[in-house]
PDB file of N, CA and C in Angstrom:
ATOM      1  N   MET A   1       0.249 131.239  -9.935  1.00  0.00           N
ATOM      2  CA  MET A   1      -0.744 131.797 -10.805  1.00  0.00           C
ATOM      3  C   MET A   1      -1.657 130.444 -10.787  1.00  0.00           C
ATOM      4  N   ARG A   2      -3.155 130.958 -11.234  1.00  0.00           N
ATOM      5  CA  ARG A   2      -4.043 130.271 -11.202  1.00  0.00           C
ATOM      6  C   ARG A   2      -4.846 130.081 -12.660  1.00  0.00           C
ATOM      7  N   VAL A   3      -5.036 128.896 -13.384  1.00  0.00           N
ATOM      8  CA  VAL A   3      -5.720 128.933 -14.370  1.00  0.00           C
ATOM      9  C   VAL A   3      -7.147 128.031 -14.336  1.00  0.00           C
ATOM     10  N   GLU A   4      -7.943 127.874 -15.158  1.00  0.00           N
ATOM     11  CA  GLU A   4      -9.153 127.154 -15.340  1.00  0.00           C
ATOM     12  C   GLU A   4      -8.961 126.186 -16.639  1.00  0.00           C
ATOM     13  N   VAL A   5      -9.017 125.187 -16.455  1.00  0.00           N
ATOM     14  CA  VAL A   5      -8.534 123.816 -17.228  1.00  0.00           C
ATOM     15  C   VAL A   5     -10.056 123.150 -17.573  1.00  0.00           C
ATOM     16  N   ALA A   6     -10.106 123.043 -18.868  1.00  0.00           N
ATOM     17  CA  ALA A   6     -11.470 122.402 -19.203  1.00  0.00           C
ATOM     18  C   ALA A   6     -10.870 121.175 -20.171  1.00  0.00           C
ATOM     19  N   VAL A   7     -11.223 119.944 -20.041  1.00  0.00           N
ATOM     20  CA  VAL A   7     -10.951 118.819 -20.684  1.00  0.00           C
ATOM     21  C   VAL A   7     -12.402 118.334 -21.332  1.00  0.00           C
ATOM     22  N   PHE A   8     -12.502 118.098 -22.679  1.00  0.00           N
ATOM     23  CA  PHE A   8     -13.756 117.745 -23.470  1.00  0.00           C
ATOM     24  C   PHE A   8     -13.691 116.264 -23.669  1.00  0.00           C
ATOM     25  N   ALA A   9     -14.746 115.919 -23.855  1.00  0.00           N
ATOM     26  CA  ALA A   9     -15.378 114.490 -24.299  1.00  0.00           C
ATOM     27  C   ALA A   9     -14.402 113.337 -24.064  1.00  0.00           C
ATOM     28  N   THR A  10     -13.826 112.665 -24.893  1.00  0.00           N
ATOM     29  CA  THR A  10     -12.991 111.456 -24.447  1.00  0.00           C
ATOM     30  C   THR A  10     -11.666 111.704 -23.850  1.00  0.00           C
ATOM     31  N   LEU A  11     -11.150 113.144 -23.671  1.00  0.00           N
ATOM     32  CA  LEU A  11      -9.868 113.355 -22.972  1.00  0.00           C
ATOM     33  C   LEU A  11     -10.126 113.047 -21.686  1.00  0.00           C
ATOM     34  N   ARG A  12     -11.386 113.223 -21.227  1.00  0.00           N
ATOM     35  CA  ARG A  12     -11.618 112.937 -19.696  1.00  0.00           C
ATOM     36  C   ARG A  12     -11.226 111.853 -18.982  1.00  0.00           C
ATOM     37  N   ARG A  13     -11.107 110.791 -19.911  1.00  0.00           N
ATOM     38  CA  ARG A  13     -10.823 109.603 -19.296  1.00  0.00           C
ATOM     39  C   ARG A  13      -9.253 109.427 -18.806  1.00  0.00           C
ATOM     40  N   PHE A  14      -8.558 110.444 -19.342  1.00  0.00           N
ATOM     41  CA  PHE A  14      -7.123 110.503 -19.037  1.00  0.00           C
ATOM     42  C   PHE A  14      -6.778 111.379 -17.624  1.00  0.00           C
ATOM     43  N   VAL A  15      -8.009 112.053 -17.416  1.00  0.00           N
ATOM     44  CA  VAL A  15      -7.784 112.949 -16.036  1.00  0.00           C
ATOM     45  C   VAL A  15      -8.567 112.368 -14.950  1.00  0.00           C
ATOM     46  N   PRO A  16      -7.776 111.717 -13.997  1.00  0.00           N
ATOM     47  CA  PRO A  16      -8.463 110.923 -12.668  1.00  0.00           C
ATOM     48  C   PRO A  16      -9.110 112.193 -11.987  1.00  0.00           C
ATOM     49  N   GLY A  17     -10.320 112.058 -11.306  1.00  0.00           N
ATOM     50  CA  GLY A  17     -10.694 112.930 -10.674  1.00  0.00           C
ATOM     51  C   GLY A  17     -11.469 114.259 -11.158  1.00  0.00           C
ATOM     52  N   MET A  18     -11.559 114.265 -12.618  1.00  0.00           N
ATOM     53  CA  MET A  18     -11.948 115.427 -13.473  1.00  0.00           C
ATOM     54  C   MET A  18     -13.554 115.365 -13.163  1.00  0.00           C
ATOM     55  N   PRO A  19     -13.847 116.452 -12.371  1.00  0.00           N
ATOM     56  CA  PRO A  19     -15.339 116.742 -12.371  1.00  0.00           C
ATOM     57  C   PRO A  19     -16.261 116.555 -13.423  1.00  0.00           C
ATOM     58  N   VAL A  20     -17.489 115.996 -13.294  1.00  0.00           N
ATOM     59  CA  VAL A  20     -18.369 115.826 -14.502  1.00  0.00           C
ATOM     60  C   VAL A  20     -18.305 116.732 -15.510  1.00  0.00           C
ATOM     61  N   GLU A  21     -18.457 118.004 -15.090  1.00  0.00           N
ATOM     62  CA  GLU A  21     -18.362 119.576 -15.807  1.00  0.00           C
ATOM     63  C   GLU A  21     -17.052 119.406 -16.699  1.00  0.00           C
ATOM     64  N   GLY A  22     -16.154 118.777 -16.347  1.00  0.00           N
ATOM     65  CA  GLY A  22     -14.791 118.830 -17.171  1.00  0.00           C
ATOM     66  C   GLY A  22     -13.849 119.923 -16.812  1.00  0.00           C
ATOM     67  N   VAL A  23     -14.315 120.888 -15.829  1.00  0.00           N
ATOM     68  CA  VAL A  23     -13.529 121.894 -15.469  1.00  0.00           C
ATOM     69  C   VAL A  23     -12.897 121.801 -14.270  1.00  0.00           C
ATOM     70  N   ARG A  24     -11.584 121.953 -14.014  1.00  0.00           N
ATOM     71  CA  ARG A  24     -11.285 122.277 -12.940  1.00  0.00           C
ATOM     72  C   ARG A  24      -9.794 123.327 -12.635  1.00  0.00           C
ATOM     73  N   TYR A  25      -9.294 123.749 -11.641  1.00  0.00           N
ATOM     74  CA  TYR A  25      -8.609 124.951 -11.477  1.00  0.00           C
ATOM     75  C   TYR A  25      -7.186 124.517 -11.272  1.00  0.00           C
ATOM     76  N   LEU A  26      -6.077 124.886 -11.497  1.00  0.00           N
ATOM     77  CA  LEU A  26      -4.808 124.486 -11.427  1.00  0.00           C
ATOM     78  C   LEU A  26      -3.881 125.524 -11.098  1.00  0.00           C
ATOM     79  N   ASP A  27      -3.043 125.349 -10.468  1.00  0.00           N
ATOM     80  CA  ASP A  27      -2.005 126.387  -9.755  1.00  0.00           C
ATOM     81  C   ASP A  27      -0.655 126.285 -10.619  1.00  0.00           C
ATOM     82  N   VAL A  28      -0.225 126.878 -11.558  1.00  0.00           N
ATOM     83  CA  VAL A  28       0.919 126.642 -12.228  1.00  0.00           C
ATOM     84  C   VAL A  28       2.048 127.548 -11.898  1.00  0.00           C
ATOM     85  N   GLU A  29       3.304 127.030 -12.359  1.00  0.00           N
ATOM     86  CA  GLU A  29       4.282 128.089 -11.967  1.00  0.00           C
ATOM     87  C   GLU A  29       4.713 129.322 -13.074  1.00  0.00           C
ATOM     88  N   PRO A  30       5.035 130.165 -12.776  1.00  0.00           N
ATOM     89  CA  PRO A  30       5.175 131.290 -13.663  1.00  0.00           C
ATOM     90  C   PRO A  30       6.192 130.751 -14.902  1.00  0.00           C
ATOM     91  N   GLY A  31       5.677 130.889 -16.297  1.00  0.00           N
ATOM     92  CA  GLY A  31       6.608 130.356 -17.454  1.00  0.00           C
ATOM     93  C   GLY A  31       5.925 129.086 -17.998  1.00  0.00           C
ATOM     94  N   ALA A  32       5.166 128.751 -17.225  1.00  0.00           N
ATOM     95  CA  ALA A  32       4.174 127.356 -17.631  1.00  0.00           C
ATOM     96  C   ALA A  32       3.737 127.762 -19.091  1.00  0.00           C
ATOM     97  N   THR A  33       3.876 126.562 -19.806  1.00  0.00           N
ATOM     98  CA  THR A  33       3.327 126.533 -21.277  1.00  0.00           C
ATOM     99  C   THR A  33       1.746 125.798 -21.444  1.00  0.00           C
ATOM    100  N   LEU A  34       1.178 125.782 -22.363  1.00  0.00           N
ATOM    101  CA  LEU A  34      -0.100 124.875 -22.624  1.00  0.00           C
ATOM    102  C   LEU A  34       0.747 123.187 -22.754  1.00  0.00           C
ATOM    103  N   ALA A  35       1.642 123.316 -23.037  1.00  0.00           N
ATOM    104  CA  ALA A  35       2.260 121.722 -23.401  1.00  0.00           C
ATOM    105  C   ALA A  35       2.319 121.558 -22.012  1.00  0.00           C
ATOM    106  N   ASP A  36       2.764 122.284 -21.014  1.00  0.00           N
ATOM    107  CA  ASP A  36       3.232 121.906 -19.400  1.00  0.00           C
ATOM    108  C   ASP A  36       1.947 121.317 -19.026  1.00  0.00           C
ATOM    109  N   LEU A  37       0.813 122.015 -19.317  1.00  0.00           N
ATOM    110  CA  LEU A  37      -0.428 121.905 -18.591  1.00  0.00           C
ATOM    111  C   LEU A  37      -0.934 120.199 -19.122  1.00  0.00           C
ATOM    112  N   MET A  38      -0.774 120.389 -20.341  1.00  0.00           N
ATOM    113  CA  MET A  38      -1.168 118.902 -21.106  1.00  0.00           C
ATOM    114  C   MET A  38      -0.403 117.812 -20.520  1.00  0.00           C
ATOM    115  N   VAL A  39       0.669 118.017 -20.173  1.00  0.00           N
ATOM    116  CA  VAL A  39       1.586 116.954 -19.565  1.00  0.00           C
ATOM    117  C   VAL A  39       1.122 116.706 -18.244  1.00  0.00           C
ATOM    118  N   ARG A  40       1.099 117.736 -17.289  1.00  0.00           N
ATOM    119  CA  ARG A  40       0.598 117.462 -15.992  1.00  0.00           C
ATOM    120  C   ARG A  40      -0.443 116.985 -15.759  1.00  0.00           C
ATOM    121  N   LEU A  41      -1.455 117.188 -16.939  1.00  0.00           N
ATOM    122  CA  LEU A  41      -2.890 116.282 -16.738  1.00  0.00           C
ATOM    123  C   LEU A  41      -2.854 114.816 -17.163  1.00  0.00           C
ATOM    124  N   GLY A  42      -2.074 114.613 -17.869  1.00  0.00           N
ATOM    125  CA  GLY A  42      -1.782 113.261 -18.589  1.00  0.00           C
ATOM    126  C   GLY A  42      -2.391 113.255 -19.760  1.00  0.00           C
ATOM    127  N   LEU A  43      -2.602 114.107 -20.435  1.00  0.00           N
ATOM    128  CA  LEU A  43      -3.208 113.943 -21.866  1.00  0.00           C
ATOM    129  C   LEU A  43      -2.310 113.584 -23.002  1.00  0.00           C
ATOM    130  N   PRO A  44      -2.507 112.379 -23.565  1.00  0.00           N
ATOM    131  CA  PRO A  44      -1.670 111.882 -24.673  1.00  0.00           C
ATOM    132  C   PRO A  44      -1.468 113.017 -25.739  1.00  0.00           C
ATOM    133  N   PRO A  45      -0.430 113.792 -26.159  1.00  0.00           N
ATOM    134  CA  PRO A  45      -0.529 114.510 -27.187  1.00  0.00           C
ATOM    135  C   PRO A  45      -1.203 114.216 -28.685  1.00  0.00           C
ATOM    136  N   GLU A  46      -1.322 112.950 -28.735  1.00  0.00           N
ATOM    137  CA  GLU A  46      -1.714 112.502 -30.378  1.00  0.00           C
ATOM    138  C   GLU A  46      -3.356 112.630 -30.040  1.00  0.00           C
ATOM    139  N   GLU A  47      -3.884 112.801 -28.811  1.00  0.00           N
ATOM    140  CA  GLU A  47      -5.323 112.687 -28.421  1.00  0.00           C
ATOM    141  C   GLU A  47      -5.951 114.013 -28.471  1.00  0.00           C
ATOM    142  N   VAL A  48      -4.988 115.175 -28.513  1.00  0.00           N
ATOM    143  CA  VAL A  48      -5.556 116.421 -28.245  1.00  0.00           C
ATOM    144  C   VAL A  48      -5.415 117.184 -29.860  1.00  0.00           C
ATOM    145  N   LYS A  49      -6.505 117.438 -30.286  1.00  0.00           N
ATOM    146  CA  LYS A  49      -6.348 118.284 -31.636  1.00  0.00           C
ATOM    147  C   LYS A  49      -6.717 119.780 -31.521  1.00  0.00           C
ATOM    148  N   ILE A  50      -7.230 120.284 -30.440  1.00  0.00           N
ATOM    149  CA  ILE A  50      -7.356 121.574 -30.466  1.00  0.00           C
ATOM    150  C   ILE A  50      -6.994 122.058 -29.122  1.00  0.00           C
ATOM    151  N   VAL A  51      -6.315 123.228 -29.035  1.00  0.00           N
ATOM    152  CA  VAL A  51      -6.052 123.747 -27.797  1.00  0.00           C
ATOM    153  C   VAL A  51      -6.460 125.295 -27.934  1.00  0.00           C
ATOM    154  N   MET A  52      -7.545 125.785 -26.778  1.00  0.00           N
ATOM    155  CA  MET A  52      -8.097 127.138 -26.656  1.00  0.00           C
ATOM    156  C   MET A  52      -7.464 127.808 -25.705  1.00  0.00           C
ATOM    157  N   ARG A  53      -6.999 129.048 -25.707  1.00  0.00           N
ATOM    158  CA  ARG A  53      -7.056 129.845 -24.438  1.00  0.00           C
ATOM    159  C   ARG A  53      -7.632 131.025 -24.539  1.00  0.00           C
ATOM    160  N   ASN A  54      -8.579 131.267 -23.532  1.00  0.00           N
ATOM    161  CA  ASN A  54      -9.296 132.372 -23.386  1.00  0.00           C
ATOM    162  C   ASN A  54     -10.294 132.383 -24.907  1.00  0.00           C
ATOM    163  N   HIS A  55     -10.734 131.548 -25.155  1.00  0.00           N
ATOM    164  CA  HIS A  55     -11.587 131.265 -26.341  1.00  0.00           C
ATOM    165  C   HIS A  55     -11.201 131.401 -27.688  1.00  0.00           C
ATOM    166  N   ARG A  56      -9.866 131.465 -27.948  1.00  0.00           N
ATOM    167  CA  ARG A  56      -9.008 131.664 -28.972  1.00  0.00           C
ATOM    168  C   ARG A  56      -8.033 130.451 -29.278  1.00  0.00           C
ATOM    169  N   GLN A  57      -7.923 129.861 -30.488  1.00  0.00           N
ATOM    170  CA  GLN A  57      -7.005 128.693 -30.732  1.00  0.00           C
ATOM    171  C   GLN A  57      -5.829 129.113 -30.311  1.00  0.00           C
ATOM    172  N   ALA A  58      -5.125 128.317 -29.584  1.00  0.00           N
ATOM    173  CA  ALA A  58      -3.554 128.450 -29.408  1.00  0.00           C
ATOM    174  C   ALA A  58      -2.627 127.301 -29.717  1.00  0.00           C
ATOM    175  N   LYS A  59      -1.157 127.550 -29.574  1.00  0.00           N
ATOM    176  CA  LYS A  59      -0.336 126.697 -29.813  1.00  0.00           C
ATOM    177  C   LYS A  59       0.365 126.099 -28.507  1.00  0.00           C
ATOM    178  N   LEU A  60       0.652 125.024 -28.418  1.00  0.00           N
ATOM    179  CA  LEU A  60       0.915 124.286 -27.326  1.00  0.00           C
ATOM    180  C   LEU A  60       2.226 125.217 -26.772  1.00  0.00           C
ATOM    181  N   GLU A  61       3.045 125.688 -27.405  1.00  0.00           N
ATOM    182  CA  GLU A  61       4.174 126.457 -26.875  1.00  0.00           C
ATOM    183  C   GLU A  61       3.940 127.954 -26.119  1.00  0.00           C
ATOM    184  N   ASP A  62       2.614 128.048 -26.345  1.00  0.00           N
ATOM    185  CA  ASP A  62       2.345 129.581 -25.771  1.00  0.00           C
ATOM    186  C   ASP A  62       2.319 129.580 -24.254  1.00  0.00           C
ATOM    187  N   PRO A  63       2.595 130.415 -23.398  1.00  0.00           N
ATOM    188  CA  PRO A  63       2.549 130.631 -22.157  1.00  0.00           C
ATOM    189  C   PRO A  63       1.337 130.697 -21.844  1.00  0.00           C
ATOM    190  N   VAL A  64       1.222 130.371 -20.278  1.00  0.00           N
ATOM    191  CA  VAL A  64      -0.305 130.632 -19.683  1.00  0.00           C
ATOM    192  C   VAL A  64       0.060 132.037 -18.916  1.00  0.00           C
ATOM    193  N   ALA A  65      -1.189 132.737 -18.568  1.00  0.00           N
ATOM    194  CA  ALA A  65      -0.827 133.687 -17.536  1.00  0.00           C
ATOM    195  C   ALA A  65      -1.842 133.419 -16.620  1.00  0.00           C
ATOM    196  N   ASP A  66      -1.895 134.223 -15.396  1.00  0.00           N
ATOM    197  CA  ASP A  66      -2.803 133.994 -14.333  1.00  0.00           C
ATOM    198  C   ASP A  66      -4.264 134.320 -14.667  1.00  0.00           C
ATOM    199  N   GLY A  67      -5.242 133.427 -14.580  1.00  0.00           N
ATOM    200  CA  GLY A  67      -6.648 133.824 -14.969  1.00  0.00           C
ATOM    201  C   GLY A  67      -7.061 133.297 -16.203  1.00  0.00           C
ATOM    202  N   ASP A  68      -5.856 132.606 -17.001  1.00  0.00           N
ATOM    203  CA  ASP A  68      -6.215 132.043 -18.281  1.00  0.00           C
ATOM    204  C   ASP A  68      -7.190 131.026 -18.265  1.00  0.00           C
ATOM    205  N   ARG A  69      -8.251 130.915 -19.282  1.00  0.00           N
ATOM    206  CA  ARG A  69      -9.360 130.035 -19.332  1.00  0.00           C
ATOM    207  C   ARG A  69      -8.729 128.777 -20.270  1.00  0.00           C
ATOM    208  N   VAL A  70      -8.422 127.533 -20.407  1.00  0.00           N
ATOM    209  CA  VAL A  70      -7.717 126.726 -21.460  1.00  0.00           C
ATOM    210  C   VAL A  70      -8.605 125.635 -21.486  1.00  0.00           C
ATOM    211  N   ALA A  71      -8.740 125.280 -22.675  1.00  0.00           N
ATOM    212  CA  ALA A  71      -9.713 123.921 -23.040  1.00  0.00           C
ATOM    213  C   ALA A  71      -8.708 123.025 -24.045  1.00  0.00           C
ATOM    214  N   PHE A  72      -8.840 121.895 -23.704  1.00  0.00           N
ATOM    215  CA  PHE A  72      -8.235 120.924 -24.692  1.00  0.00           C
ATOM    216  C   PHE A  72      -9.517 119.861 -25.104  1.00  0.00           C
ATOM    217  N   ILE A  73      -9.304 119.852 -26.607  1.00  0.00           N
ATOM    218  CA  ILE A  73     -10.592 119.410 -27.221  1.00  0.00           C
ATOM    219  C   ILE A  73     -10.059 118.122 -28.052  1.00  0.00           C
ATOM    220  N   PRO A  74     -10.812 116.772 -28.011  1.00  0.00           N
ATOM    221  CA  PRO A  74     -10.134 115.840 -29.146  1.00  0.00           C
ATOM    222  C   PRO A  74     -10.515 116.157 -30.366  1.00  0.00           C
ATOM    223  N   ALA A  75     -10.361 115.343 -31.334  1.00  0.00           N
ATOM    224  CA  ALA A  75     -11.016 115.337 -32.512  1.00  0.00           C
ATOM    225  C   ALA A  75     -12.193 114.625 -32.588  1.00  0.00           C
ATOM    226  N   VAL A  76     -13.081 115.433 -33.202  1.00  0.00           N
ATOM    227  CA  VAL A  76     -14.633 114.771 -32.806  1.00  0.00           C
ATOM    228  C   VAL A  76     -15.194 114.278 -34.324  1.00  0.00           C
ATOM    229  N   ALA A  77     -15.937 113.536 -34.436  1.00  0.00           N
ATOM    230  CA  ALA A  77     -16.438 112.775 -35.518  1.00  0.00           C
ATOM    231  C   ALA A  77     -18.139 113.226 -35.815  1.00  0.00           C
ATOM    232  N   GLY A  78     -18.528 113.558 -37.058  1.00  0.00           N
ATOM    233  CA  GLY A  78     -19.875 113.813 -37.038  1.00  0.00           C
ATOM    234  C   GLY A  78     -20.327 113.468 -38.472  1.00  0.00           C
ATOM    235  N   GLY A  79     -21.712 113.768 -38.838  1.00  0.00           N
ATOM    236  CA  GLY A  79     -22.228 113.586 -40.225  1.00  0.00           C
ATOM    237  C   GLY A  79     -22.804 114.568 -40.762  1.00  0.00           C
TER     238      GLY A  79
END
């Protein structure tokens, strides 16, 4: 299976070799979860505030499917 993974803002520093646009493609085993992807990328759980799968908020225990688009988003501050 192959999934598209986007890592935003401050989370990029945890993923060596992440392209500037913050998107890369990963081959994953059947049955892999969003949590498995997070671990594989080296993202600290306490830094990830929102996980999206196919443009919808998801839970870390959700499985991924071939062709999914996954995004890991940190907490953001604003005024």
